[in-house]
Protein backbone atom coordinates (compact mmCIF):
# COMPACT_ATOMS: atom_id res chain seq x y z
CA MET A 1 0.00 0.00 0.00
CA LYS A 2 1.50 3.34 -1.05
CA TYR A 3 1.97 5.87 1.74
CA ASP A 4 -0.02 9.05 1.25
CA PRO A 5 1.76 11.98 2.96
CA ASP A 6 -1.48 13.98 2.95
CA SER A 7 -3.48 11.32 4.80
CA LYS A 8 -2.54 12.62 8.26
CA SER A 9 -3.60 16.18 7.43
CA ARG A 10 -6.88 14.97 5.90
CA LEU A 11 -7.59 12.85 8.98
CA THR A 12 -6.86 15.79 11.28
CA ALA A 13 -9.13 18.07 9.24
CA ALA A 14 -11.93 15.51 9.32
CA PHE A 15 -11.62 15.16 13.07
CA LEU A 16 -11.66 18.91 13.63
CA SER A 17 -14.64 19.30 11.33
CA ALA A 18 -16.57 16.64 13.23
CA ALA A 19 -15.65 18.25 16.55
CA ALA A 20 -16.79 21.65 15.26
CA THR A 21 -20.08 20.19 14.05
CA LEU A 22 -20.66 18.60 17.45
CA GLY A 23 -19.92 21.91 19.13
CA LEU A 24 -22.46 23.71 16.94
CA CYS A 25 -25.09 21.10 17.72
CA LEU A 26 -24.45 21.42 21.44
CA ALA A 27 -24.60 25.20 21.22
CA ALA A 28 -27.89 25.04 19.31
CA ALA A 29 -29.28 22.79 22.02
CA GLY A 30 -28.22 25.22 24.71
CA VAL A 31 -25.49 22.91 26.07
CA ALA A 32 -22.32 24.65 27.18
CA GLU A 33 -19.14 23.30 25.65
CA ALA A 34 -16.48 22.10 28.09
CA ALA A 35 -12.98 23.36 27.52
CA PRO A 36 -10.64 20.75 26.03
CA ARG A 37 -8.72 18.81 28.67
CA ALA A 38 -6.67 15.69 29.08
CA ALA A 39 -7.85 12.92 31.36
CA THR A 40 -7.11 13.19 35.07
CA ALA A 41 -7.75 10.75 37.87
CA THR A 42 -11.11 12.35 38.62
CA GLN A 43 -12.18 13.79 35.26
CA PRO A 44 -12.63 12.08 31.90
CA PRO A 45 -11.01 13.74 28.89
CA VAL A 46 -12.78 16.33 26.79
CA ASP A 47 -11.84 17.00 23.15
CA ASP A 48 -8.29 15.75 23.75
CA GLY A 49 -7.63 14.77 20.13
CA LEU A 50 -8.25 11.04 20.64
CA PRO A 51 -11.41 9.06 19.88
CA MET A 52 -13.38 7.52 22.73
CA PRO A 53 -14.81 4.23 21.43
CA GLY A 54 -17.10 3.99 24.46
CA PHE A 55 -18.18 1.16 26.72
CA THR A 56 -21.73 -0.07 27.24
CA ILE A 57 -22.45 -2.07 30.38
CA GLU A 58 -24.41 -5.17 29.44
CA PRO A 59 -25.78 -7.22 32.34
CA GLY A 60 -24.72 -10.83 31.96
CA ARG A 61 -21.70 -9.95 29.82
CA THR A 62 -19.97 -7.31 31.97
CA ALA A 63 -17.97 -7.93 35.15
CA LEU A 64 -16.03 -5.89 37.70
CA VAL A 65 -12.37 -6.93 37.99
CA ILE A 66 -10.24 -5.61 40.86
CA THR A 67 -6.51 -6.27 41.09
CA ASP A 68 -4.66 -6.58 44.40
CA PRO A 69 -7.15 -5.10 46.90
CA GLN A 70 -4.67 -6.03 49.62
CA ASN A 71 -3.21 -4.47 52.74
CA ASP A 72 0.33 -4.12 51.43
CA PHE A 73 -0.96 -1.64 48.87
CA LEU A 74 -4.04 -0.05 50.40
CA SER A 75 -3.46 0.08 54.15
CA PRO A 76 -1.33 2.76 55.84
CA GLU A 77 0.35 -0.19 57.57
CA GLY A 78 1.20 -1.79 54.21
CA VAL A 79 4.83 -2.06 53.14
CA THR A 80 4.36 0.22 50.10
CA TRP A 81 2.32 2.99 51.72
CA GLY A 82 5.34 5.32 51.78
CA VAL A 83 5.32 5.52 47.97
CA VAL A 84 1.66 4.83 47.08
CA GLY A 85 -0.10 6.61 49.95
CA GLU A 86 -0.09 10.04 48.31
CA SER A 87 -1.67 8.76 45.10
CA ILE A 88 -4.21 6.60 46.96
CA THR A 89 -5.23 9.52 49.16
CA ASN A 90 -5.49 12.01 46.29
CA ASN A 91 -7.57 9.63 44.17
CA ARG A 92 -9.68 8.36 47.08
CA THR A 93 -8.78 4.93 45.75
CA VAL A 94 -9.81 2.95 48.84
CA GLU A 95 -13.23 4.56 48.94
CA ASN A 96 -13.81 4.23 45.19
CA ILE A 97 -12.86 0.54 45.04
CA GLY A 98 -15.19 -0.02 48.00
CA ALA A 99 -18.04 1.75 46.23
CA LEU A 100 -17.49 -0.35 43.10
CA PHE A 101 -17.54 -3.55 45.15
CA ASP A 102 -20.71 -2.53 47.01
CA THR A 103 -22.59 -1.35 43.93
CA ALA A 104 -21.64 -4.37 41.82
CA GLU A 105 -22.78 -6.69 44.61
CA ALA A 106 -26.04 -4.77 45.09
CA VAL A 107 -27.05 -5.02 41.41
CA GLY A 108 -25.76 -8.55 40.88
CA MET A 109 -22.83 -7.75 38.58
CA PRO A 110 -20.21 -10.53 38.64
CA ILE A 111 -17.10 -9.63 40.62
CA PHE A 112 -13.61 -11.04 40.08
CA VAL A 113 -10.54 -10.40 42.21
CA SER A 114 -7.05 -11.09 40.86
CA PRO A 115 -4.66 -11.20 43.85
CA HIS A 116 -0.89 -11.11 44.14
CA TYR A 117 0.75 -13.74 46.39
CA TYR A 118 4.35 -14.81 46.83
CA TYR A 119 5.24 -18.14 48.43
CA GLU A 120 8.61 -19.24 49.75
CA HIS A 121 9.56 -20.90 46.47
CA ASP A 122 8.99 -17.61 44.64
CA HIS A 123 11.93 -16.13 46.53
CA ARG A 124 14.26 -18.55 44.79
CA TRP A 125 13.78 -17.07 41.30
CA HIS A 126 17.06 -16.67 39.40
CA PHE A 127 16.24 -13.25 37.94
CA GLU A 128 13.80 -10.41 38.61
CA GLY A 129 12.82 -7.00 37.33
CA ALA A 130 13.33 -3.86 39.38
CA LEU A 131 9.97 -3.86 41.16
CA GLU A 132 9.96 -7.64 41.59
CA THR A 133 13.26 -7.29 43.43
CA LEU A 134 11.76 -4.54 45.60
CA MET A 135 8.61 -6.51 46.39
CA HIS A 136 10.56 -9.61 47.35
CA SER A 137 12.95 -7.62 49.53
CA LEU A 138 9.98 -6.07 51.37
CA GLY A 139 8.23 -9.41 51.85
CA MET A 140 5.27 -7.98 49.96
CA PHE A 141 2.23 -10.28 49.63
CA ASP A 142 4.14 -13.10 51.32
CA ARG A 143 2.43 -16.32 52.38
CA PRO A 144 4.25 -19.35 53.78
CA HIS A 145 2.71 -21.87 51.40
CA ALA A 146 0.09 -22.18 48.67
CA LEU A 147 -1.83 -24.83 50.63
CA THR A 148 -2.23 -23.01 53.94
CA LEU A 149 -3.75 -19.75 55.18
CA GLU A 150 -1.52 -19.76 58.24
CA GLY A 151 -0.67 -16.16 59.07
CA PHE A 152 -2.91 -14.79 56.32
CA GLU A 153 -5.45 -12.98 58.50
CA GLY A 154 -4.38 -9.37 58.90
CA SER A 155 -1.16 -9.81 56.94
CA GLY A 156 -0.01 -7.67 54.04
CA ALA A 157 -1.37 -10.32 51.65
CA ASP A 158 -4.84 -10.17 53.25
CA TRP A 159 -7.75 -8.12 51.89
CA LEU A 160 -8.46 -4.68 53.23
CA ASP A 161 -11.00 -5.26 56.02
CA ARG A 162 -13.67 -3.06 54.47
CA TYR A 163 -13.71 -5.22 51.32
CA LYS A 164 -14.02 -8.59 53.05
CA PRO A 165 -17.85 -8.74 53.18
CA VAL A 166 -17.95 -8.65 49.36
CA ILE A 167 -14.81 -10.64 48.56
CA GLU A 168 -15.78 -13.39 51.01
CA ASN A 169 -19.51 -13.51 50.18
CA GLY A 170 -19.28 -16.87 48.40
CA ARG A 171 -20.12 -15.37 45.02
CA THR A 172 -17.06 -13.24 44.23
CA VAL A 173 -14.50 -15.17 42.20
CA VAL A 174 -10.98 -14.98 43.62
CA THR A 175 -8.64 -16.19 40.90
CA SER A 176 -5.34 -17.95 41.30
CA PRO A 177 -2.56 -15.42 42.01
CA HIS A 178 -0.73 -13.55 39.30
CA LYS A 179 3.01 -13.63 39.81
CA ILE A 180 4.48 -10.65 37.99
CA TYR A 181 1.88 -8.04 37.01
CA GLY A 182 -0.55 -9.35 34.39
CA PRO A 183 -3.10 -12.17 34.16
CA ASP A 184 -0.86 -14.26 31.89
CA SER A 185 0.09 -16.58 34.76
CA ASN A 186 -3.30 -16.95 36.45
CA ASP A 187 -6.79 -18.14 35.51
CA LEU A 188 -8.61 -14.80 35.27
CA ALA A 189 -9.32 -15.00 31.52
CA LEU A 190 -10.54 -18.59 31.91
CA GLN A 191 -12.83 -17.68 34.80
CA LEU A 192 -14.27 -14.72 32.90
CA ARG A 193 -14.96 -16.79 29.79
CA LYS A 194 -16.52 -19.62 31.81
CA ALA A 195 -18.87 -17.04 33.33
CA GLY A 196 -19.87 -15.69 29.89
CA VAL A 197 -18.11 -12.37 30.45
CA SER A 198 -16.66 -10.44 27.51
CA LYS A 199 -16.54 -6.91 28.99
CA VAL A 200 -14.57 -5.76 32.01
CA ILE A 201 -14.72 -2.72 34.29
CA LEU A 202 -11.21 -2.58 35.75
CA GLY A 203 -9.78 -1.05 38.91
CA GLY A 204 -7.34 -1.93 41.67
CA MET A 205 -3.66 -1.65 42.40
CA SER A 206 -1.13 -0.68 41.29
CA SER A 207 -1.92 1.50 38.31
CA ASN A 208 1.16 1.22 36.09
CA LEU A 209 1.97 -2.34 37.18
CA CYS A 210 -0.79 -4.89 37.81
CA THR A 211 -3.75 -2.75 36.74
CA GLU A 212 -2.23 -1.64 33.45
CA SER A 213 -0.87 -5.15 32.79
CA HIS A 214 -4.33 -6.63 33.37
CA MET A 215 -5.82 -4.08 30.98
CA ARG A 216 -3.28 -5.00 28.31
CA GLY A 217 -3.55 -8.74 28.90
CA LEU A 218 -7.34 -8.80 28.83
CA ILE A 219 -7.53 -6.67 25.70
CA GLU A 220 -5.00 -8.94 23.97
CA ALA A 221 -7.18 -11.89 25.01
CA GLY A 222 -10.23 -10.37 23.31
CA PHE A 223 -12.03 -8.67 26.19
CA GLU A 224 -13.44 -5.15 26.01
CA VAL A 225 -12.06 -3.09 28.89
CA MET A 226 -12.81 0.23 30.54
CA VAL A 227 -10.67 1.58 33.40
CA VAL A 228 -11.96 3.47 36.43
CA THR A 229 -9.25 6.09 36.76
CA ASP A 230 -9.73 6.99 40.43
CA ALA A 231 -10.20 3.38 41.55
CA THR A 232 -6.46 2.86 41.14
CA ALA A 233 -3.26 4.64 42.15
CA GLY A 234 0.49 4.35 41.66
CA ALA A 235 3.84 4.78 43.33
CA ILE A 236 5.33 8.26 43.38
CA THR A 237 9.05 8.57 44.09
CA ASP A 238 11.53 11.42 43.88
CA HIS A 239 12.10 10.68 40.20
CA TYR A 240 9.04 8.80 38.91
CA ASP A 241 5.23 9.04 38.96
CA GLY A 242 3.74 5.62 38.27
CA TYR A 243 0.16 6.88 38.22
CA ALA A 244 0.87 9.58 35.61
CA ALA A 245 2.58 6.98 33.41
CA SER A 246 -0.41 4.65 33.56
CA LEU A 247 -3.04 7.32 32.90
CA VAL A 248 -1.64 8.00 29.43
CA ASN A 249 -1.76 4.31 28.56
CA PHE A 250 -5.24 3.81 30.00
CA ARG A 251 -6.45 6.60 27.72
CA MET A 252 -4.66 5.32 24.63
CA ILE A 253 -5.47 1.62 25.00
CA ALA A 254 -8.80 1.05 26.80
CA SER A 255 -12.19 1.38 25.12
CA SER A 256 -13.14 3.97 27.72
CA ILE A 257 -11.91 5.58 30.92
CA ASP A 258 -14.00 7.38 33.51
CA ASN A 259 -14.14 8.23 37.18
CA ALA A 260 -15.87 6.16 39.85
CA GLU A 261 -18.83 8.51 40.25
CA ASN A 262 -19.82 8.26 36.59
CA THR A 263 -19.09 4.53 36.47
CA LEU A 264 -21.27 3.82 39.50
CA ARG A 265 -24.08 5.82 37.94
CA ALA A 266 -23.74 3.83 34.70
CA ILE A 267 -23.75 0.49 36.56
CA ARG A 268 -26.93 1.34 38.43
CA ALA A 269 -28.63 2.60 35.25
CA ALA A 270 -27.72 -0.58 33.35
CA TYR A 271 -29.47 -2.73 35.94
CA GLU A 272 -32.63 -0.65 36.36
């Protein structure tokens, strides 16, 4: 196929024309136009130069998936709070994940939790990435053995207390643990397919690691994914902002992104 150097300019012109037409229609209807803005944790993007394919919640086909709703990420006593606490607090991540859990349970939306556990044999790996090395050195998500819950209650690997009524209700699916960041090494995709799910509302920790990797993995596996941008958070260090890095990729890769307030409203409306 021959490259057309004018194709980019024609595409840009077409997009701007469509945006202008939409603006005229909104003005004629008496609807004020919002100023263009990029996505933030709490606000969806407006006229940011990228399409928004959209995401329709379909009961029976749509599920809530939460990654790592565990103490080591989300509790002030967790081993990572020193680097994730600022982002969690700013985004109200704990509260927003809780609201998603409660609303999904109330309407009967399927809920899946993809946890992160490390057992003693996982500490004998011959090589690791930077954050794997950090997590292992901190004892993050550690459990003594896959076949026992000894020491689990109240540990860093345990669920945040406020989420336990939903996670332990007998209906929520807790998958096998993922080992690095994505669902490639656990049974999340299998469990979703067995439940007839093809669309996922995604939140959880940590934004640029497990949450983003789950988004990518599920999309590659053929699922339609939207991300709840303030139901996740990331590590912020002196030199790096994990949440900012993930927000760009959420916007560019997912079918839709939105805040928890709008997502909760859409869930309730879909089940009315």
